[in-house]
Amino acid sequence: MSQPERATLERAKRGSISQLLFKCARLLNETALARARERSGLDVRPAHTTIFPHLDLEGTRLTELARRLGVSKQAAGQLVDELVEMGVLERVPDPVDARAKLIRFGRRRGGLALMEGLAVLGEIEGKLADELGRQRIDALHETLLRLLAVLERGSL
């Protein structure tokens, strides 16, 4: 690739909001995971954290979790198995269908891990507000909420 082609590609990448969101999300995830691992001693990997935003507090069936993640039931099941083994998640009977199981945060360790993870994220967001200014962070938060609503509607 020639130098001009490389420069054009780099400009296109930096000009893409989606590319910037992907990169920021990865870096935030890595930072948060390192801090959470240090505090909890749990070997939670980036693949595990993809589950957390898609898990309803009352529990979610594995098939629904896999759909939300955009992966196979087997792939989601493997991640769930690992988190169950750590005590972060648990499988419980579905009150609506006794044949089915719900995956939810474990009663003891899962709730603590979730609260600790949210505390770590809050600390990181506080430092970002110090760096960027509270007004920008608040505007970013509002924009991301609106973006999420649009993307969840599937209207693009």
N, C-alpha and C. Protein backbone atom coordinates (compact mmCIF):
# COMPACT_ATOMS: atom_id res chain seq x y z
N MET A 1 0.86 -1.18 0.00
CA MET A 1 0.00 0.00 0.00
C MET A 1 0.90 1.23 0.00
N SER A 2 0.59 2.16 -0.87
CA SER A 2 1.40 3.37 -0.98
C SER A 2 1.10 4.31 0.20
N GLN A 3 2.00 5.24 0.42
CA GLN A 3 1.83 6.21 1.51
C GLN A 3 0.55 7.04 1.34
N PRO A 4 0.25 7.55 0.14
CA PRO A 4 -1.01 8.30 -0.05
C PRO A 4 -2.25 7.43 0.22
N GLU A 5 -2.21 6.16 -0.22
CA GLU A 5 -3.33 5.26 0.04
C GLU A 5 -3.50 5.01 1.54
N ARG A 6 -2.39 4.84 2.21
CA ARG A 6 -2.42 4.63 3.67
C ARG A 6 -3.00 5.86 4.38
N ALA A 7 -2.58 7.03 3.96
CA ALA A 7 -3.07 8.28 4.57
C ALA A 7 -4.57 8.43 4.33
N THR A 8 -5.03 8.09 3.13
CA THR A 8 -6.46 8.17 2.81
C THR A 8 -7.26 7.21 3.68
N LEU A 9 -6.75 5.99 3.83
CA LEU A 9 -7.42 5.00 4.67
C LEU A 9 -7.46 5.44 6.13
N GLU A 10 -6.37 5.98 6.65
CA GLU A 10 -6.35 6.45 8.03
C GLU A 10 -7.35 7.60 8.25
N ARG A 11 -7.44 8.51 7.30
CA ARG A 11 -8.42 9.61 7.39
C ARG A 11 -9.84 9.05 7.40
N ALA A 12 -10.10 8.06 6.56
CA ALA A 12 -11.43 7.45 6.49
C ALA A 12 -11.76 6.76 7.81
N LYS A 13 -10.80 6.07 8.39
CA LYS A 13 -11.04 5.40 9.68
C LYS A 13 -11.34 6.42 10.78
N ARG A 14 -10.54 7.49 10.84
CA ARG A 14 -10.75 8.51 11.88
C ARG A 14 -12.04 9.29 11.64
N GLY A 15 -12.49 9.34 10.41
CA GLY A 15 -13.73 10.04 10.09
C GLY A 15 -14.98 9.21 10.35
N SER A 16 -14.81 7.94 10.66
CA SER A 16 -15.94 7.05 10.90
C SER A 16 -16.31 7.03 12.38
N ILE A 17 -17.51 7.48 12.68
CA ILE A 17 -17.99 7.45 14.07
C ILE A 17 -18.04 6.01 14.57
N SER A 18 -18.48 5.10 13.74
CA SER A 18 -18.57 3.70 14.15
C SER A 18 -17.19 3.14 14.51
N GLN A 19 -16.19 3.40 13.69
CA GLN A 19 -14.82 2.94 13.98
C GLN A 19 -14.35 3.50 15.33
N LEU A 20 -14.62 4.77 15.57
CA LEU A 20 -14.21 5.39 16.84
C LEU A 20 -14.95 4.76 18.02
N LEU A 21 -16.24 4.49 17.85
CA LEU A 21 -17.00 3.85 18.93
C LEU A 21 -16.46 2.45 19.22
N PHE A 22 -16.15 1.69 18.17
CA PHE A 22 -15.60 0.34 18.36
C PHE A 22 -14.28 0.39 19.14
N LYS A 23 -13.41 1.30 18.74
CA LYS A 23 -12.09 1.39 19.38
C LYS A 23 -12.22 1.88 20.82
N CYS A 24 -13.05 2.89 21.04
CA CYS A 24 -13.25 3.39 22.41
C CYS A 24 -13.85 2.31 23.30
N ALA A 25 -14.81 1.57 22.76
CA ALA A 25 -15.45 0.49 23.54
C ALA A 25 -14.42 -0.56 23.93
N ARG A 26 -13.56 -0.94 23.00
CA ARG A 26 -12.54 -1.94 23.30
C ARG A 26 -11.59 -1.46 24.38
N LEU A 27 -11.12 -0.22 24.25
CA LEU A 27 -10.17 0.32 25.23
C LEU A 27 -10.82 0.50 26.61
N LEU A 28 -12.06 0.97 26.63
CA LEU A 28 -12.77 1.08 27.91
C LEU A 28 -12.97 -0.29 28.55
N ASN A 29 -13.33 -1.28 27.75
CA ASN A 29 -13.54 -2.63 28.25
C ASN A 29 -12.24 -3.18 28.84
N GLU A 30 -11.13 -3.02 28.14
CA GLU A 30 -9.84 -3.51 28.63
C GLU A 30 -9.46 -2.85 29.95
N THR A 31 -9.64 -1.54 30.04
CA THR A 31 -9.31 -0.80 31.26
C THR A 31 -10.19 -1.27 32.43
N ALA A 32 -11.48 -1.36 32.17
CA ALA A 32 -12.41 -1.78 33.23
C ALA A 32 -12.14 -3.21 33.67
N LEU A 33 -11.87 -4.10 32.73
CA LEU A 33 -11.60 -5.50 33.07
C LEU A 33 -10.34 -5.63 33.92
N ALA A 34 -9.30 -4.90 33.57
CA ALA A 34 -8.06 -4.97 34.34
C ALA A 34 -8.31 -4.54 35.79
N ARG A 35 -9.05 -3.47 35.97
CA ARG A 35 -9.35 -3.00 37.33
C ARG A 35 -10.26 -3.97 38.07
N ALA A 36 -11.25 -4.49 37.39
CA ALA A 36 -12.19 -5.42 38.02
C ALA A 36 -11.47 -6.72 38.41
N ARG A 37 -10.60 -7.22 37.53
CA ARG A 37 -9.84 -8.43 37.85
C ARG A 37 -8.97 -8.22 39.09
N GLU A 38 -8.35 -7.05 39.14
CA GLU A 38 -7.47 -6.71 40.28
C GLU A 38 -8.26 -6.72 41.59
N ARG A 39 -9.46 -6.21 41.57
CA ARG A 39 -10.27 -6.12 42.79
C ARG A 39 -10.95 -7.43 43.16
N SER A 40 -11.45 -8.13 42.15
CA SER A 40 -12.26 -9.32 42.44
C SER A 40 -11.47 -10.62 42.44
N GLY A 41 -10.36 -10.64 41.71
CA GLY A 41 -9.61 -11.87 41.57
C GLY A 41 -10.23 -12.83 40.56
N LEU A 42 -11.34 -12.44 39.95
CA LEU A 42 -12.00 -13.29 38.94
C LEU A 42 -11.32 -13.11 37.59
N ASP A 43 -11.17 -14.20 36.87
CA ASP A 43 -10.54 -14.16 35.56
C ASP A 43 -11.58 -13.93 34.47
N VAL A 44 -12.24 -12.79 34.54
CA VAL A 44 -13.26 -12.45 33.56
C VAL A 44 -12.56 -11.89 32.32
N ARG A 45 -12.94 -12.44 31.17
CA ARG A 45 -12.34 -12.04 29.90
C ARG A 45 -13.29 -11.13 29.12
N PRO A 46 -12.77 -10.45 28.09
CA PRO A 46 -13.63 -9.59 27.28
C PRO A 46 -14.85 -10.32 26.71
N ALA A 47 -14.69 -11.57 26.33
CA ALA A 47 -15.83 -12.33 25.79
C ALA A 47 -16.93 -12.47 26.84
N HIS A 48 -16.54 -12.60 28.11
CA HIS A 48 -17.54 -12.72 29.18
C HIS A 48 -18.35 -11.43 29.32
N THR A 49 -17.68 -10.30 29.20
CA THR A 49 -18.37 -9.03 29.43
C THR A 49 -19.41 -8.72 28.36
N THR A 50 -19.33 -9.41 27.22
CA THR A 50 -20.35 -9.19 26.20
C THR A 50 -21.72 -9.65 26.67
N ILE A 51 -21.74 -10.57 27.62
CA ILE A 51 -23.01 -11.11 28.13
C ILE A 51 -23.74 -10.11 29.03
N PHE A 52 -23.00 -9.43 29.88
CA PHE A 52 -23.60 -8.66 30.97
C PHE A 52 -24.66 -7.64 30.54
N PRO A 53 -24.43 -6.84 29.50
CA PRO A 53 -25.47 -5.86 29.12
C PRO A 53 -26.74 -6.50 28.57
N HIS A 54 -26.66 -7.77 28.17
CA HIS A 54 -27.79 -8.44 27.54
C HIS A 54 -28.55 -9.35 28.49
N LEU A 55 -28.13 -9.40 29.73
CA LEU A 55 -28.73 -10.28 30.70
C LEU A 55 -29.73 -9.51 31.56
N ASP A 56 -31.00 -9.91 31.50
CA ASP A 56 -32.02 -9.27 32.32
C ASP A 56 -31.80 -9.66 33.78
N LEU A 57 -32.06 -8.76 34.70
CA LEU A 57 -31.81 -9.04 36.12
C LEU A 57 -32.64 -10.22 36.62
N GLU A 58 -33.86 -10.38 36.09
CA GLU A 58 -34.70 -11.51 36.52
C GLU A 58 -34.29 -12.81 35.84
N GLY A 59 -33.43 -12.71 34.84
CA GLY A 59 -32.92 -13.88 34.14
C GLY A 59 -33.32 -13.88 32.68
N THR A 60 -32.54 -14.56 31.87
CA THR A 60 -32.75 -14.63 30.43
C THR A 60 -32.49 -16.06 29.97
N ARG A 61 -33.35 -16.56 29.11
CA ARG A 61 -33.12 -17.90 28.55
C ARG A 61 -31.89 -17.87 27.65
N LEU A 62 -31.20 -19.00 27.60
CA LEU A 62 -29.97 -19.10 26.81
C LEU A 62 -30.22 -18.78 25.34
N THR A 63 -31.32 -19.26 24.79
CA THR A 63 -31.60 -19.00 23.37
C THR A 63 -31.77 -17.50 23.11
N GLU A 64 -32.41 -16.80 24.02
CA GLU A 64 -32.59 -15.36 23.88
C GLU A 64 -31.26 -14.63 24.05
N LEU A 65 -30.47 -15.08 25.00
CA LEU A 65 -29.16 -14.48 25.23
C LEU A 65 -28.29 -14.64 23.98
N ALA A 66 -28.29 -15.82 23.40
CA ALA A 66 -27.52 -16.06 22.18
C ALA A 66 -28.01 -15.15 21.05
N ARG A 67 -29.33 -15.00 20.93
CA ARG A 67 -29.88 -14.12 19.89
C ARG A 67 -29.40 -12.69 20.10
N ARG A 68 -29.48 -12.20 21.34
CA ARG A 68 -29.05 -10.83 21.63
C ARG A 68 -27.57 -10.62 21.35
N LEU A 69 -26.78 -11.64 21.61
CA LEU A 69 -25.33 -11.57 21.38
C LEU A 69 -24.97 -11.74 19.92
N GLY A 70 -25.88 -12.35 19.15
CA GLY A 70 -25.60 -12.62 17.74
C GLY A 70 -24.64 -13.78 17.56
N VAL A 71 -24.73 -14.77 18.48
CA VAL A 71 -23.87 -15.95 18.41
C VAL A 71 -24.74 -17.20 18.51
N SER A 72 -24.12 -18.35 18.31
CA SER A 72 -24.85 -19.60 18.45
C SER A 72 -25.17 -19.88 19.92
N LYS A 73 -26.15 -20.74 20.11
CA LYS A 73 -26.52 -21.15 21.46
C LYS A 73 -25.33 -21.83 22.14
N GLN A 74 -24.56 -22.58 21.39
CA GLN A 74 -23.40 -23.28 21.94
C GLN A 74 -22.33 -22.28 22.39
N ALA A 75 -22.08 -21.26 21.60
CA ALA A 75 -21.07 -20.26 21.97
C ALA A 75 -21.49 -19.50 23.22
N ALA A 76 -22.76 -19.11 23.27
CA ALA A 76 -23.26 -18.42 24.47
C ALA A 76 -23.21 -19.36 25.67
N GLY A 77 -23.57 -20.62 25.45
CA GLY A 77 -23.57 -21.60 26.53
C GLY A 77 -22.19 -21.81 27.12
N GLN A 78 -21.17 -21.78 26.29
CA GLN A 78 -19.80 -21.95 26.79
C GLN A 78 -19.41 -20.79 27.71
N LEU A 79 -19.73 -19.57 27.29
CA LEU A 79 -19.43 -18.40 28.13
C LEU A 79 -20.22 -18.46 29.43
N VAL A 80 -21.48 -18.83 29.34
CA VAL A 80 -22.32 -18.94 30.54
C VAL A 80 -21.74 -20.01 31.47
N ASP A 81 -21.35 -21.16 30.92
CA ASP A 81 -20.77 -22.23 31.74
C ASP A 81 -19.56 -21.73 32.53
N GLU A 82 -18.69 -20.97 31.85
CA GLU A 82 -17.50 -20.45 32.52
C GLU A 82 -17.87 -19.48 33.64
N LEU A 83 -18.86 -18.63 33.40
CA LEU A 83 -19.27 -17.66 34.42
C LEU A 83 -20.03 -18.34 35.56
N VAL A 84 -20.76 -19.41 35.25
CA VAL A 84 -21.43 -20.18 36.30
C VAL A 84 -20.37 -20.82 37.20
N GLU A 85 -19.32 -21.36 36.58
CA GLU A 85 -18.24 -21.99 37.34
C GLU A 85 -17.56 -20.98 38.28
N MET A 86 -17.45 -19.72 37.85
CA MET A 86 -16.86 -18.67 38.68
C MET A 86 -17.82 -18.19 39.77
N GLY A 87 -19.11 -18.54 39.63
CA GLY A 87 -20.10 -18.08 40.59
C GLY A 87 -20.71 -16.74 40.23
N VAL A 88 -20.38 -16.21 39.06
CA VAL A 88 -20.91 -14.92 38.64
C VAL A 88 -22.35 -15.06 38.15
N LEU A 89 -22.62 -16.15 37.43
CA LEU A 89 -23.97 -16.42 36.93
C LEU A 89 -24.48 -17.72 37.54
N GLU A 90 -25.79 -17.91 37.43
CA GLU A 90 -26.41 -19.17 37.85
C GLU A 90 -27.55 -19.50 36.91
N ARG A 91 -27.87 -20.78 36.85
CA ARG A 91 -29.03 -21.25 36.09
C ARG A 91 -30.11 -21.61 37.09
N VAL A 92 -31.31 -21.10 36.83
CA VAL A 92 -32.45 -21.38 37.72
C VAL A 92 -33.65 -21.77 36.86
N PRO A 93 -34.59 -22.53 37.43
CA PRO A 93 -35.78 -22.89 36.66
C PRO A 93 -36.57 -21.65 36.24
N ASP A 94 -37.09 -21.70 35.03
CA ASP A 94 -37.94 -20.63 34.52
C ASP A 94 -39.33 -20.82 35.13
N PRO A 95 -39.84 -19.82 35.88
CA PRO A 95 -41.16 -19.98 36.51
C PRO A 95 -42.30 -20.12 35.50
N VAL A 96 -42.08 -19.69 34.26
CA VAL A 96 -43.10 -19.77 33.23
C VAL A 96 -43.11 -21.15 32.56
N ASP A 97 -41.94 -21.79 32.46
CA ASP A 97 -41.81 -23.07 31.78
C ASP A 97 -40.79 -23.91 32.54
N ALA A 98 -41.27 -24.89 33.28
CA ALA A 98 -40.41 -25.71 34.15
C ALA A 98 -39.33 -26.45 33.37
N ARG A 99 -39.52 -26.65 32.06
CA ARG A 99 -38.51 -27.34 31.25
C ARG A 99 -37.33 -26.43 30.93
N ALA A 100 -37.53 -25.13 31.02
CA ALA A 100 -36.49 -24.17 30.62
C ALA A 100 -35.73 -23.65 31.84
N LYS A 101 -34.56 -23.10 31.57
CA LYS A 101 -33.73 -22.48 32.60
C LYS A 101 -33.51 -21.01 32.25
N LEU A 102 -33.41 -20.22 33.29
CA LEU A 102 -33.03 -18.82 33.14
C LEU A 102 -31.59 -18.66 33.60
N ILE A 103 -30.86 -17.80 32.92
CA ILE A 103 -29.52 -17.44 33.35
C ILE A 103 -29.62 -16.07 33.97
N ARG A 104 -29.07 -15.94 35.17
CA ARG A 104 -29.09 -14.64 35.86
C ARG A 104 -27.81 -14.51 36.67
N PHE A 105 -27.61 -13.31 37.19
CA PHE A 105 -26.47 -13.07 38.05
C PHE A 105 -26.64 -13.91 39.31
N GLY A 106 -25.55 -14.55 39.75
CA GLY A 106 -25.58 -15.38 40.94
C GLY A 106 -25.96 -14.55 42.16
N ARG A 107 -26.67 -15.18 43.08
CA ARG A 107 -27.19 -14.48 44.27
C ARG A 107 -26.09 -13.80 45.08
N ARG A 108 -24.99 -14.49 45.29
CA ARG A 108 -23.94 -13.92 46.14
C ARG A 108 -22.87 -13.23 45.30
N ARG A 109 -22.09 -14.00 44.63
CA ARG A 109 -20.94 -13.46 43.91
C ARG A 109 -21.35 -12.64 42.69
N GLY A 110 -22.42 -13.05 42.02
CA GLY A 110 -22.85 -12.35 40.81
C GLY A 110 -23.28 -10.92 41.08
N GLY A 111 -24.09 -10.74 42.12
CA GLY A 111 -24.51 -9.39 42.47
C GLY A 111 -23.35 -8.51 42.88
N LEU A 112 -22.43 -9.09 43.64
CA LEU A 112 -21.24 -8.33 44.05
C LEU A 112 -20.38 -7.99 42.84
N ALA A 113 -20.20 -8.94 41.93
CA ALA A 113 -19.41 -8.69 40.73
C ALA A 113 -20.05 -7.60 39.88
N LEU A 114 -21.36 -7.64 39.76
CA LEU A 114 -22.07 -6.61 38.98
C LEU A 114 -21.89 -5.24 39.62
N MET A 115 -22.08 -5.16 40.93
CA MET A 115 -21.93 -3.87 41.62
C MET A 115 -20.49 -3.37 41.54
N GLU A 116 -19.53 -4.27 41.70
CA GLU A 116 -18.12 -3.89 41.59
C GLU A 116 -17.80 -3.40 40.18
N GLY A 117 -18.31 -4.12 39.18
CA GLY A 117 -18.09 -3.69 37.80
C GLY A 117 -18.69 -2.33 37.51
N LEU A 118 -19.88 -2.10 38.02
CA LEU A 118 -20.51 -0.78 37.82
C LEU A 118 -19.75 0.31 38.57
N ALA A 119 -19.19 -0.02 39.73
CA ALA A 119 -18.38 0.95 40.48
C ALA A 119 -17.11 1.31 39.69
N VAL A 120 -16.48 0.30 39.11
CA VAL A 120 -15.29 0.54 38.29
C VAL A 120 -15.65 1.43 37.11
N LEU A 121 -16.75 1.13 36.44
CA LEU A 121 -17.17 1.96 35.32
C LEU A 121 -17.45 3.40 35.76
N GLY A 122 -18.07 3.55 36.92
CA GLY A 122 -18.33 4.90 37.45
C GLY A 122 -17.05 5.67 37.70
N GLU A 123 -16.04 4.99 38.23
CA GLU A 123 -14.74 5.65 38.46
C GLU A 123 -14.11 6.08 37.15
N ILE A 124 -14.16 5.19 36.17
CA ILE A 124 -13.58 5.52 34.86
C ILE A 124 -14.33 6.70 34.24
N GLU A 125 -15.66 6.68 34.33
CA GLU A 125 -16.46 7.78 33.78
C GLU A 125 -16.17 9.08 34.52
N GLY A 126 -15.92 9.01 35.82
CA GLY A 126 -15.54 10.21 36.58
C GLY A 126 -14.23 10.79 36.09
N LYS A 127 -13.25 9.92 35.82
CA LYS A 127 -11.96 10.39 35.31
C LYS A 127 -12.11 10.95 33.90
N LEU A 128 -12.99 10.35 33.10
CA LEU A 128 -13.25 10.89 31.77
C LEU A 128 -13.88 12.28 31.88
N ALA A 129 -14.77 12.47 32.84
CA ALA A 129 -15.39 13.79 33.04
C ALA A 129 -14.33 14.81 33.45
N ASP A 130 -13.38 14.39 34.27
CA ASP A 130 -12.28 15.29 34.64
C ASP A 130 -11.47 15.70 33.42
N GLU A 131 -11.24 14.73 32.53
CA GLU A 131 -10.42 14.99 31.33
C GLU A 131 -11.17 15.80 30.28
N LEU A 132 -12.42 15.44 30.05
CA LEU A 132 -13.18 16.01 28.93
C LEU A 132 -14.16 17.10 29.34
N GLY A 133 -14.51 17.13 30.62
CA GLY A 133 -15.51 18.07 31.11
C GLY A 133 -16.85 17.38 31.30
N ARG A 134 -17.51 17.72 32.40
CA ARG A 134 -18.79 17.09 32.74
C ARG A 134 -19.83 17.34 31.66
N GLN A 135 -19.87 18.54 31.09
CA GLN A 135 -20.87 18.86 30.08
C GLN A 135 -20.74 17.95 28.85
N ARG A 136 -19.50 17.70 28.42
CA ARG A 136 -19.29 16.82 27.26
C ARG A 136 -19.70 15.39 27.58
N ILE A 137 -19.37 14.92 28.78
CA ILE A 137 -19.73 13.55 29.17
C ILE A 137 -21.25 13.42 29.24
N ASP A 138 -21.92 14.40 29.82
CA ASP A 138 -23.38 14.35 29.89
C ASP A 138 -24.00 14.36 28.50
N ALA A 139 -23.45 15.17 27.60
CA ALA A 139 -23.95 15.22 26.22
C ALA A 139 -23.70 13.89 25.51
N LEU A 140 -22.53 13.29 25.75
CA LEU A 140 -22.23 11.99 25.17
C LEU A 140 -23.20 10.94 25.68
N HIS A 141 -23.47 10.96 26.96
CA HIS A 141 -24.41 10.00 27.55
C HIS A 141 -25.79 10.13 26.90
N GLU A 142 -26.28 11.33 26.79
CA GLU A 142 -27.59 11.56 26.17
C GLU A 142 -27.58 11.10 24.71
N THR A 143 -26.52 11.40 23.98
CA THR A 143 -26.42 10.99 22.58
C THR A 143 -26.39 9.47 22.46
N LEU A 144 -25.65 8.81 23.33
CA LEU A 144 -25.58 7.34 23.28
C LEU A 144 -26.93 6.71 23.61
N LEU A 145 -27.66 7.29 24.56
CA LEU A 145 -29.01 6.78 24.86
C LEU A 145 -29.92 6.89 23.64
N ARG A 146 -29.84 8.01 22.94
CA ARG A 146 -30.65 8.19 21.73
C ARG A 146 -30.21 7.24 20.62
N LEU A 147 -28.90 7.08 20.47
CA LEU A 147 -28.37 6.16 19.48
C LEU A 147 -28.83 4.73 19.77
N LEU A 148 -28.77 4.34 21.02
CA LEU A 148 -29.22 3.00 21.42
C LEU A 148 -30.69 2.79 21.06
N ALA A 149 -31.52 3.79 21.33
CA ALA A 149 -32.94 3.67 21.02
C ALA A 149 -33.15 3.48 19.51
N VAL A 150 -32.44 4.21 18.70
CA VAL A 150 -32.55 4.08 17.24
C VAL A 150 -32.10 2.69 16.80
N LEU A 151 -30.96 2.25 17.31
CA LEU A 151 -30.43 0.94 16.92
C LEU A 151 -31.32 -0.19 17.39
N GLU A 152 -31.91 -0.09 18.58
CA GLU A 152 -32.80 -1.13 19.08
C GLU A 152 -34.09 -1.20 18.28
N ARG A 153 -34.52 -0.09 17.74
CA ARG A 153 -35.72 -0.10 16.88
C ARG A 153 -35.44 -0.81 15.56
N GLY A 154 -34.16 -0.89 15.20
CA GLY A 154 -33.80 -1.54 13.94
C GLY A 154 -34.25 -0.78 12.73
N SER A 155 -34.31 0.53 12.84
CA SER A 155 -34.87 1.33 11.75
C SER A 155 -33.80 1.90 10.81
N LEU A 156 -32.60 1.38 10.84
CA LEU A 156 -31.57 1.90 9.93
C LEU A 156 -31.59 1.18 8.60
